[in-house]
Amino acid sequence: MTRKPRGLKPEEEQLWRRVADTATPLKRAKPVDQILNPPKPKPPKPREAFDVPAFRLGEKADTALPRMENPGARQPLRMDKKVFTRMKRGKATPEARIDLHGMTVAAAETALRAFILRSHNENRRLVLVITGKGRRSTDTGPIPQRAGVLRHHLPEWLSRPPLSSVVLQVSKAHQRHGSSGAFYVYLSRHR
């Protein structure tokens, strides 16, 4: 429990001023009045309010979300619904596959770009990209690290040119094709 300082009585304050006047300061000191009666702190400045446009419940937002943030998340369907259903159930067989296990991020991106563009030129529609689920690091430092670096980068790579013009749909693979460690990539027709 902390006690509040009791302050000085008038005779104690007078004695203090006489002693303080005879002392030679080492550094430029505050005036005695500031020591005895410190200034009150200024109140904090009010924070600026965010400029949020008016929004009513049920109203559609003006800004569109990025096309692919998470390949396993729901995306608008950009391919035939029957083919998509077959693909999600694991009934569609991928025409080609690439395994990115053990590659560095730079090597995996280069290999993926070459594979997708080659598959598109060969009129393949459904390909399987195996990234792996990732492994947990034994280093438990103060900053957590995401497991599955390649799996994390895949949506970004597929949403940037030149691959964005070729890729129609990305979906998590069925269990028989690798589940969350692999992704179906459905390509547009070659013109």
C-alpha atoms as a PDB file:
ATOM      1  CA  MET A   1       0.000   0.000   0.000  1.00  0.00           C
ATOM      2  CA  THR A   2       1.480   3.356  -0.985  1.00  0.00           C
ATOM      3  CA  ARG A   3       0.908   6.521   0.959  1.00  0.00           C
ATOM      4  CA  LYS A   4       0.248   9.888  -0.496  1.00  0.00           C
ATOM      5  CA  PRO A   5       2.973  12.428   0.434  1.00  0.00           C
ATOM      6  CA  ARG A   6       1.714  14.658   3.246  1.00  0.00           C
ATOM      7  CA  GLY A   7       3.165  17.906   1.835  1.00  0.00           C
ATOM      8  CA  LEU A   8       5.022  20.630   3.751  1.00  0.00           C
ATOM      9  CA  LYS A   9       3.669  22.784   6.537  1.00  0.00           C
ATOM     10  CA  PRO A  10       4.193  26.550   6.070  1.00  0.00           C
ATOM     11  CA  GLU A  11       7.112  26.709   8.575  1.00  0.00           C
ATOM     12  CA  GLU A  12       8.769  23.651   6.937  1.00  0.00           C
ATOM     13  CA  GLU A  13       8.409  25.264   3.515  1.00  0.00           C
ATOM     14  CA  GLN A  14      10.046  28.469   4.790  1.00  0.00           C
ATOM     15  CA  LEU A  15      12.960  26.504   6.225  1.00  0.00           C
ATOM     16  CA  TRP A  16      13.320  24.587   2.979  1.00  0.00           C
ATOM     17  CA  ARG A  17      13.485  27.784   0.897  1.00  0.00           C
ATOM     18  CA  ARG A  18      16.269  29.218   3.121  1.00  0.00           C
ATOM     19  CA  VAL A  19      18.326  26.012   2.785  1.00  0.00           C
ATOM     20  CA  ALA A  20      17.694  25.759  -0.951  1.00  0.00           C
ATOM     21  CA  ASP A  21      18.784  29.375  -1.513  1.00  0.00           C
ATOM     22  CA  THR A  22      22.193  28.697   0.086  1.00  0.00           C
ATOM     23  CA  ALA A  23      22.869  25.544  -1.925  1.00  0.00           C
ATOM     24  CA  THR A  24      24.905  25.658  -5.147  1.00  0.00           C
ATOM     25  CA  PRO A  25      23.198  23.554  -7.843  1.00  0.00           C
ATOM     26  CA  LEU A  26      25.268  20.986  -9.732  1.00  0.00           C
ATOM     27  CA  LYS A  27      23.169  21.400 -12.830  1.00  0.00           C
ATOM     28  CA  ARG A  28      20.609  23.891 -13.827  1.00  0.00           C
ATOM     29  CA  ALA A  29      17.845  22.995 -11.453  1.00  0.00           C
ATOM     30  CA  LYS A  30      14.160  23.696 -11.557  1.00  0.00           C
ATOM     31  CA  PRO A  31      13.000  26.679  -9.550  1.00  0.00           C
ATOM     32  CA  VAL A  32      11.929  25.861  -6.009  1.00  0.00           C
ATOM     33  CA  ASP A  33       8.344  26.800  -6.853  1.00  0.00           C
ATOM     34  CA  GLN A  34       8.245  24.078  -9.507  1.00  0.00           C
ATOM     35  CA  ILE A  35       9.613  21.521  -7.067  1.00  0.00           C
ATOM     36  CA  LEU A  36       7.115  22.383  -4.362  1.00  0.00           C
ATOM     37  CA  ASN A  37       4.150  22.915  -6.700  1.00  0.00           C
ATOM     38  CA  PRO A  38       4.711  20.794  -9.808  1.00  0.00           C
ATOM     39  CA  PRO A  39       2.617  21.707 -12.848  1.00  0.00           C
ATOM     40  CA  LYS A  40      -0.383  19.502 -13.509  1.00  0.00           C
ATOM     41  CA  PRO A  41      -0.004  17.184 -16.492  1.00  0.00           C
ATOM     42  CA  LYS A  42      -1.795  18.180 -19.667  1.00  0.00           C
ATOM     43  CA  PRO A  43      -4.786  16.045 -20.558  1.00  0.00           C
ATOM     44  CA  PRO A  44      -4.146  13.692 -23.495  1.00  0.00           C
ATOM     45  CA  LYS A  45      -5.213  14.881 -26.911  1.00  0.00           C
ATOM     46  CA  PRO A  46      -8.390  13.221 -28.135  1.00  0.00           C
ATOM     47  CA  ARG A  47      -7.803  10.605 -30.791  1.00  0.00           C
ATOM     48  CA  GLU A  48      -8.999  11.355 -34.273  1.00  0.00           C
ATOM     49  CA  ALA A  49     -12.078   9.416 -35.203  1.00  0.00           C
ATOM     50  CA  PHE A  50     -11.891   7.031 -38.134  1.00  0.00           C
ATOM     51  CA  ASP A  51     -13.822   8.140 -41.162  1.00  0.00           C
ATOM     52  CA  VAL A  52     -16.147   5.169 -41.602  1.00  0.00           C
ATOM     53  CA  PRO A  53     -18.813   5.473 -44.265  1.00  0.00           C
ATOM     54  CA  ALA A  54     -22.403   4.867 -43.231  1.00  0.00           C
ATOM     55  CA  PHE A  55     -23.398   1.212 -43.483  1.00  0.00           C
ATOM     56  CA  ARG A  56     -26.767  -0.408 -42.986  1.00  0.00           C
ATOM     57  CA  LEU A  57     -27.301  -4.031 -42.003  1.00  0.00           C
ATOM     58  CA  GLY A  58     -27.631  -6.194 -45.113  1.00  0.00           C
ATOM     59  CA  GLU A  59     -25.985  -3.655 -47.401  1.00  0.00           C
ATOM     60  CA  LYS A  60     -23.257  -4.824 -49.756  1.00  0.00           C
ATOM     61  CA  ALA A  61     -19.752  -3.454 -49.144  1.00  0.00           C
ATOM     62  CA  ASP A  62     -18.260  -1.188 -51.816  1.00  0.00           C
ATOM     63  CA  THR A  63     -14.779  -2.684 -51.872  1.00  0.00           C
ATOM     64  CA  ALA A  64     -14.103  -6.109 -53.292  1.00  0.00           C
ATOM     65  CA  LEU A  65     -11.977  -8.605 -51.396  1.00  0.00           C
ATOM     66  CA  PRO A  66      -8.775  -9.967 -52.945  1.00  0.00           C
ATOM     67  CA  ARG A  67      -9.432 -12.860 -55.292  1.00  0.00           C
ATOM     68  CA  MET A  68      -7.565 -15.546 -53.362  1.00  0.00           C
ATOM     69  CA  GLU A  69      -6.533 -15.016 -49.775  1.00  0.00           C
ATOM     70  CA  ASN A  70      -6.773 -18.616 -48.680  1.00  0.00           C
ATOM     71  CA  PRO A  71      -6.989 -21.363 -51.293  1.00  0.00           C
ATOM     72  CA  GLY A  72      -9.108 -23.502 -48.972  1.00  0.00           C
ATOM     73  CA  ALA A  73     -11.594 -20.697 -48.314  1.00  0.00           C
ATOM     74  CA  ARG A  74     -14.788 -20.209 -50.296  1.00  0.00           C
ATOM     75  CA  GLN A  75     -14.299 -18.360 -53.546  1.00  0.00           C
ATOM     76  CA  PRO A  76     -16.758 -17.461 -56.238  1.00  0.00           C
ATOM     77  CA  LEU A  77     -17.145 -20.388 -58.590  1.00  0.00           C
ATOM     78  CA  ARG A  78     -15.403 -19.625 -61.888  1.00  0.00           C
ATOM     79  CA  MET A  79     -15.722 -23.081 -63.421  1.00  0.00           C
ATOM     80  CA  ASP A  80     -18.416 -25.614 -64.298  1.00  0.00           C
ATOM     81  CA  LYS A  81     -20.330 -26.624 -61.168  1.00  0.00           C
ATOM     82  CA  LYS A  82     -20.491 -30.338 -62.062  1.00  0.00           C
ATOM     83  CA  VAL A  83     -16.769 -30.527 -62.674  1.00  0.00           C
ATOM     84  CA  PHE A  84     -16.135 -28.610 -59.452  1.00  0.00           C
ATOM     85  CA  THR A  85     -18.294 -31.045 -57.455  1.00  0.00           C
ATOM     86  CA  ARG A  86     -16.491 -34.037 -58.976  1.00  0.00           C
ATOM     87  CA  MET A  87     -13.155 -32.397 -58.236  1.00  0.00           C
ATOM     88  CA  LYS A  88     -14.040 -31.671 -54.565  1.00  0.00           C
ATOM     89  CA  ARG A  89     -15.205 -35.272 -54.064  1.00  0.00           C
ATOM     90  CA  GLY A  90     -11.926 -36.614 -55.433  1.00  0.00           C
ATOM     91  CA  LYS A  91     -13.595 -38.183 -58.493  1.00  0.00           C
ATOM     92  CA  ALA A  92     -11.768 -36.009 -61.035  1.00  0.00           C
ATOM     93  CA  THR A  93      -8.256 -37.209 -61.791  1.00  0.00           C
ATOM     94  CA  PRO A  94      -5.573 -34.531 -62.099  1.00  0.00           C
ATOM     95  CA  GLU A  95      -3.896 -34.585 -65.496  1.00  0.00           C
ATOM     96  CA  ALA A  96      -0.522 -33.567 -64.056  1.00  0.00           C
ATOM     97  CA  ARG A  97       1.064 -32.959 -60.678  1.00  0.00           C
ATOM     98  CA  ILE A  98       4.009 -31.110 -59.211  1.00  0.00           C
ATOM     99  CA  ASP A  99       5.548 -31.779 -55.821  1.00  0.00           C
ATOM    100  CA  LEU A 100       7.182 -28.733 -54.245  1.00  0.00           C
ATOM    101  CA  HIS A 101       8.403 -30.560 -51.096  1.00  0.00           C
ATOM    102  CA  GLY A 102      11.904 -29.643 -50.034  1.00  0.00           C
ATOM    103  CA  MET A 103      12.221 -26.630 -52.344  1.00  0.00           C
ATOM    104  CA  THR A 104      13.094 -23.143 -51.240  1.00  0.00           C
ATOM    105  CA  VAL A 105      10.457 -20.453 -51.694  1.00  0.00           C
ATOM    106  CA  ALA A 106      12.257 -18.989 -54.733  1.00  0.00           C
ATOM    107  CA  ALA A 107      12.810 -22.386 -56.383  1.00  0.00           C
ATOM    108  CA  ALA A 108       9.212 -23.456 -55.695  1.00  0.00           C
ATOM    109  CA  GLU A 109       7.788 -20.274 -57.238  1.00  0.00           C
ATOM    110  CA  THR A 110       9.887 -20.698 -60.386  1.00  0.00           C
ATOM    111  CA  ALA A 111       8.991 -24.388 -60.709  1.00  0.00           C
ATOM    112  CA  LEU A 112       5.284 -23.680 -60.124  1.00  0.00           C
ATOM    113  CA  ARG A 113       5.201 -20.901 -62.729  1.00  0.00           C
ATOM    114  CA  ALA A 114       6.887 -23.101 -65.356  1.00  0.00           C
ATOM    115  CA  PHE A 115       4.625 -26.072 -64.533  1.00  0.00           C
ATOM    116  CA  ILE A 116       1.353 -24.104 -64.695  1.00  0.00           C
ATOM    117  CA  LEU A 117       2.236 -22.347 -67.944  1.00  0.00           C
ATOM    118  CA  ARG A 118       3.458 -25.611 -69.544  1.00  0.00           C
ATOM    119  CA  SER A 119       0.279 -27.411 -68.414  1.00  0.00           C
ATOM    120  CA  HIS A 120      -1.862 -24.612 -69.865  1.00  0.00           C
ATOM    121  CA  ASN A 121      -0.010 -24.786 -73.193  1.00  0.00           C
ATOM    122  CA  GLU A 122      -0.587 -28.561 -73.260  1.00  0.00           C
ATOM    123  CA  ASN A 123      -4.363 -27.988 -72.757  1.00  0.00           C
ATOM    124  CA  ARG A 124      -4.474 -29.580 -69.329  1.00  0.00           C
ATOM    125  CA  ARG A 125      -7.402 -28.393 -67.227  1.00  0.00           C
ATOM    126  CA  LEU A 126      -6.897 -29.919 -63.766  1.00  0.00           C
ATOM    127  CA  VAL A 127      -3.471 -30.118 -62.139  1.00  0.00           C
ATOM    128  CA  LEU A 128      -2.427 -31.001 -58.604  1.00  0.00           C
ATOM    129  CA  VAL A 129       0.074 -28.846 -56.716  1.00  0.00           C
ATOM    130  CA  ILE A 130       1.555 -30.568 -53.663  1.00  0.00           C
ATOM    131  CA  THR A 131       2.980 -28.115 -51.145  1.00  0.00           C
ATOM    132  CA  GLY A 132       2.977 -30.301 -48.062  1.00  0.00           C
ATOM    133  CA  LYS A 133       1.409 -29.370 -44.766  1.00  0.00           C
ATOM    134  CA  GLY A 134       4.613 -27.858 -43.432  1.00  0.00           C
ATOM    135  CA  ARG A 135       6.464 -28.784 -40.316  1.00  0.00           C
ATOM    136  CA  ARG A 136       6.560 -27.156 -36.951  1.00  0.00           C
ATOM    137  CA  SER A 137       9.839 -25.503 -36.124  1.00  0.00           C
ATOM    138  CA  THR A 138      11.704 -26.654 -33.027  1.00  0.00           C
ATOM    139  CA  ASP A 139      12.661 -23.017 -32.431  1.00  0.00           C
ATOM    140  CA  THR A 140      10.026 -21.655 -30.091  1.00  0.00           C
ATOM    141  CA  GLY A 141      11.199 -18.056 -30.126  1.00  0.00           C
ATOM    142  CA  PRO A 142       9.121 -15.042 -29.197  1.00  0.00           C
ATOM    143  CA  ILE A 143       7.826 -14.611 -32.744  1.00  0.00           C
ATOM    144  CA  PRO A 144       5.626 -17.494 -33.905  1.00  0.00           C
ATOM    145  CA  GLN A 145       6.316 -18.882 -37.344  1.00  0.00           C
ATOM    146  CA  ARG A 146       3.649 -20.156 -39.684  1.00  0.00           C
ATOM    147  CA  ALA A 147       3.808 -23.844 -40.559  1.00  0.00           C
ATOM    148  CA  GLY A 148       3.758 -24.538 -44.284  1.00  0.00           C
ATOM    149  CA  VAL A 149       5.626 -21.698 -45.943  1.00  0.00           C
ATOM    150  CA  LEU A 150       4.946 -22.948 -49.487  1.00  0.00           C
ATOM    151  CA  ARG A 151       1.266 -23.539 -48.722  1.00  0.00           C
ATOM    152  CA  HIS A 152       1.066 -19.974 -47.411  1.00  0.00           C
ATOM    153  CA  HIS A 153       2.672 -18.470 -50.543  1.00  0.00           C
ATOM    154  CA  LEU A 154       0.708 -20.502 -53.116  1.00  0.00           C
ATOM    155  CA  PRO A 155      -2.376 -18.205 -53.342  1.00  0.00           C
ATOM    156  CA  GLU A 156      -0.172 -15.158 -53.807  1.00  0.00           C
ATOM    157  CA  TRP A 157       1.809 -16.804 -56.610  1.00  0.00           C
ATOM    158  CA  LEU A 158      -1.327 -17.958 -58.417  1.00  0.00           C
ATOM    159  CA  SER A 159      -3.024 -14.561 -58.174  1.00  0.00           C
ATOM    160  CA  ARG A 160      -0.143 -12.626 -59.777  1.00  0.00           C
ATOM    161  CA  PRO A 161       0.514 -12.350 -63.517  1.00  0.00           C
ATOM    162  CA  PRO A 162       1.215 -14.348 -65.633  1.00  0.00           C
ATOM    163  CA  LEU A 163      -0.542 -17.149 -63.717  1.00  0.00           C
ATOM    164  CA  SER A 164      -3.630 -15.114 -62.797  1.00  0.00           C
ATOM    165  CA  SER A 165      -4.786 -15.072 -66.427  1.00  0.00           C
ATOM    166  CA  VAL A 166      -4.496 -18.875 -66.674  1.00  0.00           C
ATOM    167  CA  VAL A 167      -5.884 -20.061 -63.302  1.00  0.00           C
ATOM    168  CA  LEU A 168      -9.672 -20.286 -62.962  1.00  0.00           C
ATOM    169  CA  GLN A 169     -10.066 -21.966 -59.587  1.00  0.00           C
ATOM    170  CA  VAL A 170      -7.933 -23.156 -56.672  1.00  0.00           C
ATOM    171  CA  SER A 171      -9.293 -25.601 -54.151  1.00  0.00           C
ATOM    172  CA  LYS A 172      -7.966 -27.782 -51.357  1.00  0.00           C
ATOM    173  CA  ALA A 173      -7.410 -31.311 -52.630  1.00  0.00           C
ATOM    174  CA  HIS A 174      -9.501 -34.319 -51.625  1.00  0.00           C
ATOM    175  CA  GLN A 175      -8.059 -36.668 -49.020  1.00  0.00           C
ATOM    176  CA  ARG A 176      -7.006 -39.209 -51.649  1.00  0.00           C
ATOM    177  CA  HIS A 177      -4.903 -36.534 -53.385  1.00  0.00           C
ATOM    178  CA  GLY A 178      -3.228 -35.057 -50.297  1.00  0.00           C
ATOM    179  CA  SER A 179      -5.927 -33.157 -48.378  1.00  0.00           C
ATOM    180  CA  SER A 180      -4.671 -29.876 -46.877  1.00  0.00           C
ATOM    181  CA  GLY A 181      -1.117 -30.457 -48.140  1.00  0.00           C
ATOM    182  CA  ALA A 182      -2.184 -30.302 -51.793  1.00  0.00           C
ATOM    183  CA  PHE A 183      -4.341 -28.113 -54.012  1.00  0.00           C
ATOM    184  CA  TYR A 184      -6.305 -28.579 -57.197  1.00  0.00           C
ATOM    185  CA  VAL A 185      -5.631 -25.858 -59.734  1.00  0.00           C
ATOM    186  CA  TYR A 186      -8.204 -25.642 -62.510  1.00  0.00           C
ATOM    187  CA  LEU A 187      -6.850 -23.936 -65.627  1.00  0.00           C
ATOM    188  CA  SER A 188      -8.627 -22.035 -68.387  1.00  0.00           C
ATOM    189  CA  ARG A 189      -8.712 -23.393 -71.940  1.00  0.00           C
ATOM    190  CA  HIS A 190      -5.714 -22.645 -74.123  1.00  0.00           C
ATOM    191  CA  ARG A 191      -6.646 -20.267 -76.934  1.00  0.00           C
END
